[in-house]
Amino acid sequence: MRPEVVAAVRSAVVTIPASQAAAYGEIGLAAGIGPRQAGRAVSLIDGDVPWWRVVYAGGARATCHGEAPGRYSKPRVFRSAMAAS
């Protein structure tokens, strides 16, 4: 995967506020790629980026960094900053 794509995804992920989440599709839209490519890029970003705030469209948490799958008890999807990007 091209480094500039991973950088664009990283930039989108760091804009997600604490206690909120964004779907892979939203991250992909902000980075100009599809949700599957966004998922791959999220798996490549550093651990210091809040990757855990990226969820599947149904609200399930990502497992790309070795976390156990699960759902947030109160999913609050962050859309306004993604749309503004």
PDB file of N, CA and C in Angstrom:
ATOM      1  N   MET A   1       0.855  -1.173   0.000  1.00  0.00           N
ATOM      2  CA  MET A   1       0.000   0.000   0.000  1.00  0.00           C
ATOM      3  C   MET A   1       0.899   1.234   0.000  1.00  0.00           C
ATOM      4  N   ARG A   2       0.489   2.222  -0.774  1.00  0.00           N
ATOM      5  CA  ARG A   2       1.289   3.443  -0.903  1.00  0.00           C
ATOM      6  C   ARG A   2       1.344   4.208   0.423  1.00  0.00           C
ATOM      7  N   PRO A   3       2.510   4.722   0.785  1.00  0.00           N
ATOM      8  CA  PRO A   3       2.658   5.454   2.048  1.00  0.00           C
ATOM      9  C   PRO A   3       1.742   6.673   2.155  1.00  0.00           C
ATOM     10  N   GLU A   4       1.463   7.333   1.038  1.00  0.00           N
ATOM     11  CA  GLU A   4       0.589   8.516   1.091  1.00  0.00           C
ATOM     12  C   GLU A   4      -0.864   8.141   1.414  1.00  0.00           C
ATOM     13  N   VAL A   5      -1.274   6.938   1.033  1.00  0.00           N
ATOM     14  CA  VAL A   5      -2.614   6.466   1.374  1.00  0.00           C
ATOM     15  C   VAL A   5      -2.688   6.180   2.875  1.00  0.00           C
ATOM     16  N   VAL A   6      -1.667   5.520   3.397  1.00  0.00           N
ATOM     17  CA  VAL A   6      -1.630   5.233   4.833  1.00  0.00           C
ATOM     18  C   VAL A   6      -1.597   6.551   5.617  1.00  0.00           C
ATOM     19  N   ALA A   7      -0.854   7.530   5.122  1.00  0.00           N
ATOM     20  CA  ALA A   7      -0.790   8.836   5.781  1.00  0.00           C
ATOM     21  C   ALA A   7      -2.150   9.536   5.764  1.00  0.00           C
ATOM     22  N   ALA A   8      -2.887   9.427   4.659  1.00  0.00           N
ATOM     23  CA  ALA A   8      -4.211  10.040   4.576  1.00  0.00           C
ATOM     24  C   ALA A   8      -5.181   9.375   5.553  1.00  0.00           C
ATOM     25  N   VAL A   9      -5.107   8.067   5.668  1.00  0.00           N
ATOM     26  CA  VAL A   9      -5.960   7.339   6.613  1.00  0.00           C
ATOM     27  C   VAL A   9      -5.580   7.710   8.043  1.00  0.00           C
ATOM     28  N   ARG A  10      -4.298   7.782   8.312  1.00  0.00           N
ATOM     29  CA  ARG A  10      -3.840   8.170   9.644  1.00  0.00           C
ATOM     30  C   ARG A  10      -4.376   9.551  10.008  1.00  0.00           C
ATOM     31  N   SER A  11      -4.300  10.480   9.065  1.00  0.00           N
ATOM     32  CA  SER A  11      -4.806  11.832   9.305  1.00  0.00           C
ATOM     33  C   SER A  11      -6.298  11.831   9.612  1.00  0.00           C
ATOM     34  N   ALA A  12      -7.052  10.984   8.914  1.00  0.00           N
ATOM     35  CA  ALA A  12      -8.489  10.903   9.167  1.00  0.00           C
ATOM     36  C   ALA A  12      -8.777  10.288  10.535  1.00  0.00           C
ATOM     37  N   VAL A  13      -8.019   9.269  10.900  1.00  0.00           N
ATOM     38  CA  VAL A  13      -8.257   8.581  12.174  1.00  0.00           C
ATOM     39  C   VAL A  13      -7.969   9.500  13.364  1.00  0.00           C
ATOM     40  N   VAL A  14      -6.935  10.306  13.283  1.00  0.00           N
ATOM     41  CA  VAL A  14      -6.598  11.159  14.425  1.00  0.00           C
ATOM     42  C   VAL A  14      -7.616  12.271  14.651  1.00  0.00           C
ATOM     43  N   THR A  15      -8.501  12.518  13.690  1.00  0.00           N
ATOM     44  CA  THR A  15      -9.535  13.543  13.879  1.00  0.00           C
ATOM     45  C   THR A  15     -10.760  13.032  14.637  1.00  0.00           C
ATOM     46  N   ILE A  16     -10.845  11.724  14.875  1.00  0.00           N
ATOM     47  CA  ILE A  16     -11.998  11.161  15.583  1.00  0.00           C
ATOM     48  C   ILE A  16     -11.856  11.497  17.067  1.00  0.00           C
ATOM     49  N   PRO A  17     -12.806  12.221  17.639  1.00  0.00           N
ATOM     50  CA  PRO A  17     -12.704  12.590  19.060  1.00  0.00           C
ATOM     51  C   PRO A  17     -12.817  11.375  19.979  1.00  0.00           C
ATOM     52  N   ALA A  18     -12.262  11.534  21.161  1.00  0.00           N
ATOM     53  CA  ALA A  18     -12.364  10.493  22.181  1.00  0.00           C
ATOM     54  C   ALA A  18     -13.830  10.193  22.458  1.00  0.00           C
ATOM     55  N   SER A  19     -14.150   8.967  22.739  1.00  0.00           N
ATOM     56  CA  SER A  19     -15.485   8.438  23.041  1.00  0.00           C
ATOM     57  C   SER A  19     -16.406   8.406  21.826  1.00  0.00           C
ATOM     58  N   GLN A  20     -15.854   8.615  20.633  1.00  0.00           N
ATOM     59  CA  GLN A  20     -16.650   8.497  19.416  1.00  0.00           C
ATOM     60  C   GLN A  20     -15.933   7.563  18.453  1.00  0.00           C
ATOM     61  N   ALA A  21     -16.623   7.160  17.408  1.00  0.00           N
ATOM     62  CA  ALA A  21     -16.064   6.220  16.441  1.00  0.00           C
ATOM     63  C   ALA A  21     -16.458   6.617  15.035  1.00  0.00           C
ATOM     64  N   ALA A  22     -15.724   6.099  14.069  1.00  0.00           N
ATOM     65  CA  ALA A  22     -16.041   6.291  12.652  1.00  0.00           C
ATOM     66  C   ALA A  22     -15.932   4.937  11.965  1.00  0.00           C
ATOM     67  N   ALA A  23     -16.767   4.710  10.987  1.00  0.00           N
ATOM     68  CA  ALA A  23     -16.744   3.457  10.241  1.00  0.00           C
ATOM     69  C   ALA A  23     -15.628   3.491   9.196  1.00  0.00           C
ATOM     70  N   TYR A  24     -15.183   2.315   8.789  1.00  0.00           N
ATOM     71  CA  TYR A  24     -14.151   2.228   7.761  1.00  0.00           C
ATOM     72  C   TYR A  24     -14.565   2.974   6.498  1.00  0.00           C
ATOM     73  N   GLY A  25     -15.841   2.924   6.157  1.00  0.00           N
ATOM     74  CA  GLY A  25     -16.322   3.636   4.977  1.00  0.00           C
ATOM     75  C   GLY A  25     -16.133   5.134   5.093  1.00  0.00           C
ATOM     76  N   GLU A  26     -16.344   5.672   6.289  1.00  0.00           N
ATOM     77  CA  GLU A  26     -16.150   7.109   6.514  1.00  0.00           C
ATOM     78  C   GLU A  26     -14.676   7.484   6.419  1.00  0.00           C
ATOM     79  N   ILE A  27     -13.830   6.648   6.977  1.00  0.00           N
ATOM     80  CA  ILE A  27     -12.391   6.889   6.887  1.00  0.00           C
ATOM     81  C   ILE A  27     -11.943   6.809   5.435  1.00  0.00           C
ATOM     82  N   GLY A  28     -12.441   5.809   4.733  1.00  0.00           N
ATOM     83  CA  GLY A  28     -12.109   5.664   3.321  1.00  0.00           C
ATOM     84  C   GLY A  28     -12.567   6.855   2.497  1.00  0.00           C
ATOM     85  N   LEU A  29     -13.758   7.327   2.774  1.00  0.00           N
ATOM     86  CA  LEU A  29     -14.281   8.490   2.058  1.00  0.00           C
ATOM     87  C   LEU A  29     -13.389   9.708   2.284  1.00  0.00           C
ATOM     88  N   ALA A  30     -12.967   9.908   3.518  1.00  0.00           N
ATOM     89  CA  ALA A  30     -12.099  11.046   3.831  1.00  0.00           C
ATOM     90  C   ALA A  30     -10.736  10.914   3.158  1.00  0.00           C
ATOM     91  N   ALA A  31     -10.271   9.667   2.977  1.00  0.00           N
ATOM     92  CA  ALA A  31      -8.950   9.438   2.389  1.00  0.00           C
ATOM     93  C   ALA A  31      -9.019   9.207   0.876  1.00  0.00           C
ATOM     94  N   GLY A  32     -10.222   9.131   0.322  1.00  0.00           N
ATOM     95  CA  GLY A  32     -10.373   8.925  -1.112  1.00  0.00           C
ATOM     96  C   GLY A  32     -10.167   7.490  -1.559  1.00  0.00           C
ATOM     97  N   ILE A  33     -10.480   6.535  -0.664  1.00  0.00           N
ATOM     98  CA  ILE A  33     -10.346   5.110  -0.980  1.00  0.00           C
ATOM     99  C   ILE A  33     -11.588   4.380  -0.482  1.00  0.00           C
ATOM    100  N   GLY A  34     -11.682   3.098  -0.758  1.00  0.00           N
ATOM    101  CA  GLY A  34     -12.809   2.305  -0.297  1.00  0.00           C
ATOM    102  C   GLY A  34     -12.623   1.818   1.129  1.00  0.00           C
ATOM    103  N   PRO A  35     -13.690   1.268   1.726  1.00  0.00           N
ATOM    104  CA  PRO A  35     -13.612   0.808   3.116  1.00  0.00           C
ATOM    105  C   PRO A  35     -12.634  -0.345   3.332  1.00  0.00           C
ATOM    106  N   ARG A  36     -12.506  -1.247   2.387  1.00  0.00           N
ATOM    107  CA  ARG A  36     -11.557  -2.357   2.556  1.00  0.00           C
ATOM    108  C   ARG A  36     -10.121  -1.862   2.518  1.00  0.00           C
ATOM    109  N   GLN A  37      -9.856  -0.914   1.636  1.00  0.00           N
ATOM    110  CA  GLN A  37      -8.519  -0.336   1.585  1.00  0.00           C
ATOM    111  C   GLN A  37      -8.238   0.457   2.859  1.00  0.00           C
ATOM    112  N   ALA A  38      -9.281   1.127   3.389  1.00  0.00           N
ATOM    113  CA  ALA A  38      -9.128   1.857   4.645  1.00  0.00           C
ATOM    114  C   ALA A  38      -8.798   0.882   5.771  1.00  0.00           C
ATOM    115  N   GLY A  39      -9.449  -0.263   5.771  1.00  0.00           N
ATOM    116  CA  GLY A  39      -9.161  -1.276   6.787  1.00  0.00           C
ATOM    117  C   GLY A  39      -7.730  -1.754   6.719  1.00  0.00           C
ATOM    118  N   ARG A  40      -7.248  -1.981   5.528  1.00  0.00           N
ATOM    119  CA  ARG A  40      -5.853  -2.409   5.367  1.00  0.00           C
ATOM    120  C   ARG A  40      -4.910  -1.318   5.857  1.00  0.00           C
ATOM    121  N   ALA A  41      -5.202  -0.069   5.509  1.00  0.00           N
ATOM    122  CA  ALA A  41      -4.345   1.041   5.931  1.00  0.00           C
ATOM    123  C   ALA A  41      -4.367   1.205   7.449  1.00  0.00           C
ATOM    124  N   VAL A  42      -5.534   1.030   8.071  1.00  0.00           N
ATOM    125  CA  VAL A  42      -5.624   1.128   9.530  1.00  0.00           C
ATOM    126  C   VAL A  42      -4.749   0.044  10.173  1.00  0.00           C
ATOM    127  N   SER A  43      -4.687  -1.115   9.561  1.00  0.00           N
ATOM    128  CA  SER A  43      -3.856  -2.182  10.124  1.00  0.00           C
ATOM    129  C   SER A  43      -2.368  -1.857  10.030  1.00  0.00           C
ATOM    130  N   LEU A  44      -2.009  -0.891   9.202  1.00  0.00           N
ATOM    131  CA  LEU A  44      -0.609  -0.529   9.016  1.00  0.00           C
ATOM    132  C   LEU A  44      -0.172   0.695   9.809  1.00  0.00           C
ATOM    133  N   ILE A  45      -1.112   1.432  10.391  1.00  0.00           N
ATOM    134  CA  ILE A  45      -0.722   2.641  11.116  1.00  0.00           C
ATOM    135  C   ILE A  45      -0.152   2.283  12.479  1.00  0.00           C
ATOM    136  N   ASP A  46       0.610   3.211  13.024  1.00  0.00           N
ATOM    137  CA  ASP A  46       1.261   3.000  14.315  1.00  0.00           C
ATOM    138  C   ASP A  46       0.250   2.828  15.435  1.00  0.00           C
ATOM    139  N   GLY A  47       0.685   2.164  16.488  1.00  0.00           N
ATOM    140  CA  GLY A  47      -0.165   1.933  17.648  1.00  0.00           C
ATOM    141  C   GLY A  47      -0.497   3.181  18.435  1.00  0.00           C
ATOM    142  N   ASP A  48       0.237   4.278  18.211  1.00  0.00           N
ATOM    143  CA  ASP A  48      -0.050   5.508  18.942  1.00  0.00           C
ATOM    144  C   ASP A  48      -1.227   6.288  18.360  1.00  0.00           C
ATOM    145  N   VAL A  49      -1.727   5.846  17.226  1.00  0.00           N
ATOM    146  CA  VAL A  49      -2.917   6.445  16.601  1.00  0.00           C
ATOM    147  C   VAL A  49      -4.144   5.714  17.147  1.00  0.00           C
ATOM    148  N   PRO A  50      -5.223   6.424  17.475  1.00  0.00           N
ATOM    149  CA  PRO A  50      -6.398   5.772  18.082  1.00  0.00           C
ATOM    150  C   PRO A  50      -7.190   4.905  17.101  1.00  0.00           C
ATOM    151  N   TRP A  51      -6.564   3.846  16.609  1.00  0.00           N
ATOM    152  CA  TRP A  51      -7.185   2.951  15.634  1.00  0.00           C
ATOM    153  C   TRP A  51      -8.436   2.284  16.184  1.00  0.00           C
ATOM    154  N   TRP A  52      -8.539   2.150  17.500  1.00  0.00           N
ATOM    155  CA  TRP A  52      -9.688   1.485  18.131  1.00  0.00           C
ATOM    156  C   TRP A  52     -10.970   2.285  17.949  1.00  0.00           C
ATOM    157  N   ARG A  53     -10.884   3.515  17.488  1.00  0.00           N
ATOM    158  CA  ARG A  53     -12.077   4.330  17.234  1.00  0.00           C
ATOM    159  C   ARG A  53     -12.668   4.066  15.859  1.00  0.00           C
ATOM    160  N   VAL A  54     -12.043   3.205  15.074  1.00  0.00           N
ATOM    161  CA  VAL A  54     -12.554   2.835  13.755  1.00  0.00           C
ATOM    162  C   VAL A  54     -13.296   1.522  13.898  1.00  0.00           C
ATOM    163  N   VAL A  55     -14.552   1.505  13.446  1.00  0.00           N
ATOM    164  CA  VAL A  55     -15.408   0.329  13.618  1.00  0.00           C
ATOM    165  C   VAL A  55     -15.983  -0.108  12.276  1.00  0.00           C
ATOM    166  N   TYR A  56     -16.476  -1.322  12.246  1.00  0.00           N
ATOM    167  CA  TYR A  56     -17.205  -1.802  11.074  1.00  0.00           C
ATOM    168  C   TYR A  56     -18.541  -1.067  10.994  1.00  0.00           C
ATOM    169  N   ALA A  57     -19.173  -1.105   9.859  1.00  0.00           N
ATOM    170  CA  ALA A  57     -20.439  -0.389   9.661  1.00  0.00           C
ATOM    171  C   ALA A  57     -21.491  -0.795  10.683  1.00  0.00           C
ATOM    172  N   GLY A  58     -21.472  -2.026  11.146  1.00  0.00           N
ATOM    173  CA  GLY A  58     -22.437  -2.502  12.128  1.00  0.00           C
ATOM    174  C   GLY A  58     -22.094  -2.165  13.566  1.00  0.00           C
ATOM    175  N   GLY A  59     -20.956  -1.511  13.783  1.00  0.00           N
ATOM    176  CA  GLY A  59     -20.563  -1.107  15.127  1.00  0.00           C
ATOM    177  C   GLY A  59     -19.544  -2.005  15.799  1.00  0.00           C
ATOM    178  N   ALA A  60     -19.182  -3.122  15.169  1.00  0.00           N
ATOM    179  CA  ALA A  60     -18.182  -4.018  15.762  1.00  0.00           C
ATOM    180  C   ALA A  60     -16.802  -3.382  15.693  1.00  0.00           C
ATOM    181  N   ARG A  61     -16.035  -3.599  16.737  1.00  0.00           N
ATOM    182  CA  ARG A  61     -14.678  -3.052  16.787  1.00  0.00           C
ATOM    183  C   ARG A  61     -13.745  -3.796  15.853  1.00  0.00           C
ATOM    184  N   ALA A  62     -12.703  -3.110  15.449  1.00  0.00           N
ATOM    185  CA  ALA A  62     -11.682  -3.705  14.594  1.00  0.00           C
ATOM    186  C   ALA A  62     -10.842  -4.700  15.374  1.00  0.00           C
ATOM    187  N   THR A  63     -10.268  -5.645  14.666  1.00  0.00           N
ATOM    188  CA  THR A  63      -9.390  -6.624  15.286  1.00  0.00           C
ATOM    189  C   THR A  63      -8.000  -6.596  14.653  1.00  0.00           C
ATOM    190  N   CYS A  64      -7.711  -5.584  13.877  1.00  0.00           N
ATOM    191  CA  CYS A  64      -6.468  -5.549  13.107  1.00  0.00           C
ATOM    192  C   CYS A  64      -5.215  -5.437  13.963  1.00  0.00           C
ATOM    193  N   HIS A  65      -5.319  -4.965  15.161  1.00  0.00           N
ATOM    194  CA  HIS A  65      -4.150  -4.820  16.022  1.00  0.00           C
ATOM    195  C   HIS A  65      -4.156  -5.856  17.141  1.00  0.00           C
ATOM    196  N   GLY A  66      -4.843  -6.972  16.916  1.00  0.00           N
ATOM    197  CA  GLY A  66      -4.812  -8.061  17.874  1.00  0.00           C
ATOM    198  C   GLY A  66      -5.830  -7.964  18.996  1.00  0.00           C
ATOM    199  N   GLU A  67      -6.754  -7.040  18.913  1.00  0.00           N
ATOM    200  CA  GLU A  67      -7.780  -6.908  19.948  1.00  0.00           C
ATOM    201  C   GLU A  67      -8.878  -7.946  19.737  1.00  0.00           C
ATOM    202  N   ALA A  68      -9.554  -8.292  20.796  1.00  0.00           N
ATOM    203  CA  ALA A  68     -10.685  -9.216  20.697  1.00  0.00           C
ATOM    204  C   ALA A  68     -11.857  -8.501  20.041  1.00  0.00           C
ATOM    205  N   PRO A  69     -12.595  -9.175  19.168  1.00  0.00           N
ATOM    206  CA  PRO A  69     -13.747  -8.534  18.542  1.00  0.00           C
ATOM    207  C   PRO A  69     -14.828  -8.237  19.567  1.00  0.00           C
ATOM    208  N   GLY A  70     -15.618  -7.265  19.287  1.00  0.00           N
ATOM    209  CA  GLY A  70     -16.706  -6.904  20.184  1.00  0.00           C
ATOM    210  C   GLY A  70     -17.455  -5.702  19.667  1.00  0.00           C
ATOM    211  N   ARG A  71     -18.383  -5.225  20.456  1.00  0.00           N
ATOM    212  CA  ARG A  71     -19.174  -4.066  20.066  1.00  0.00           C
ATOM    213  C   ARG A  71     -19.078  -3.036  21.171  1.00  0.00           C
ATOM    214  N   TYR A  72     -19.160  -1.795  20.777  1.00  0.00           N
ATOM    215  CA  TYR A  72     -19.247  -0.741  21.775  1.00  0.00           C
ATOM    216  C   TYR A  72     -20.649  -0.776  22.357  1.00  0.00           C
ATOM    217  N   SER A  73     -20.763  -0.545  23.644  1.00  0.00           N
ATOM    218  CA  SER A  73     -22.075  -0.617  24.260  1.00  0.00           C
ATOM    219  C   SER A  73     -22.980   0.511  23.790  1.00  0.00           C
ATOM    220  N   LYS A  74     -22.413   1.670  23.551  1.00  0.00           N
ATOM    221  CA  LYS A  74     -23.190   2.810  23.056  1.00  0.00           C
ATOM    222  C   LYS A  74     -22.440   3.423  21.887  1.00  0.00           C
ATOM    223  N   PRO A  75     -22.560   2.844  20.693  1.00  0.00           N
ATOM    224  CA  PRO A  75     -21.808   3.396  19.572  1.00  0.00           C
ATOM    225  C   PRO A  75     -22.280   4.801  19.225  1.00  0.00           C
ATOM    226  N   ARG A  76     -21.343   5.692  19.144  1.00  0.00           N
ATOM    227  CA  ARG A  76     -21.624   7.062  18.730  1.00  0.00           C
ATOM    228  C   ARG A  76     -20.718   7.342  17.548  1.00  0.00           C
ATOM    229  N   VAL A  77     -21.263   7.309  16.378  1.00  0.00           N
ATOM    230  CA  VAL A  77     -20.454   7.472  15.189  1.00  0.00           C
ATOM    231  C   VAL A  77     -20.210   8.949  14.929  1.00  0.00           C
ATOM    232  N   PHE A  78     -18.963   9.268  14.693  1.00  0.00           N
ATOM    233  CA  PHE A  78     -18.530  10.632  14.450  1.00  0.00           C
ATOM    234  C   PHE A  78     -18.531  10.875  12.952  1.00  0.00           C
ATOM    235  N   ARG A  79     -19.429  11.684  12.476  1.00  0.00           N
ATOM    236  CA  ARG A  79     -19.544  11.909  11.041  1.00  0.00           C
ATOM    237  C   ARG A  79     -19.196  13.320  10.609  1.00  0.00           C
ATOM    238  N   SER A  80     -19.400  14.308  11.446  1.00  0.00           N
ATOM    239  CA  SER A  80     -19.273  15.692  10.993  1.00  0.00           C
ATOM    240  C   SER A  80     -17.867  16.031  10.529  1.00  0.00           C
ATOM    241  N   ALA A  81     -16.842  15.621  11.236  1.00  0.00           N
ATOM    242  CA  ALA A  81     -15.472  15.931  10.819  1.00  0.00           C
ATOM    243  C   ALA A  81     -15.086  15.141   9.573  1.00  0.00           C
ATOM    244  N   MET A  82     -15.606  13.913   9.453  1.00  0.00           N
ATOM    245  CA  MET A  82     -15.316  13.128   8.260  1.00  0.00           C
ATOM    246  C   MET A  82     -15.934  13.793   7.033  1.00  0.00           C
ATOM    247  N   ALA A  83     -17.143  14.303   7.169  1.00  0.00           N
ATOM    248  CA  ALA A  83     -17.817  14.956   6.049  1.00  0.00           C
ATOM    249  C   ALA A  83     -17.137  16.263   5.678  1.00  0.00           C
ATOM    250  N   ALA A  84     -16.560  16.942   6.661  1.00  0.00           N
ATOM    251  CA  ALA A  84     -15.923  18.231   6.417  1.00  0.00           C
ATOM    252  C   ALA A  84     -14.548  18.088   5.782  1.00  0.00           C
ATOM    253  N   SER A  85     -13.949  16.885   5.880  1.00  0.00           N
ATOM    254  CA  SER A  85     -12.598  16.682   5.342  1.00  0.00           C
ATOM    255  C   SER A  85     -12.603  16.672   3.835  1.00  0.00           C
TER     256      SER A  85
END
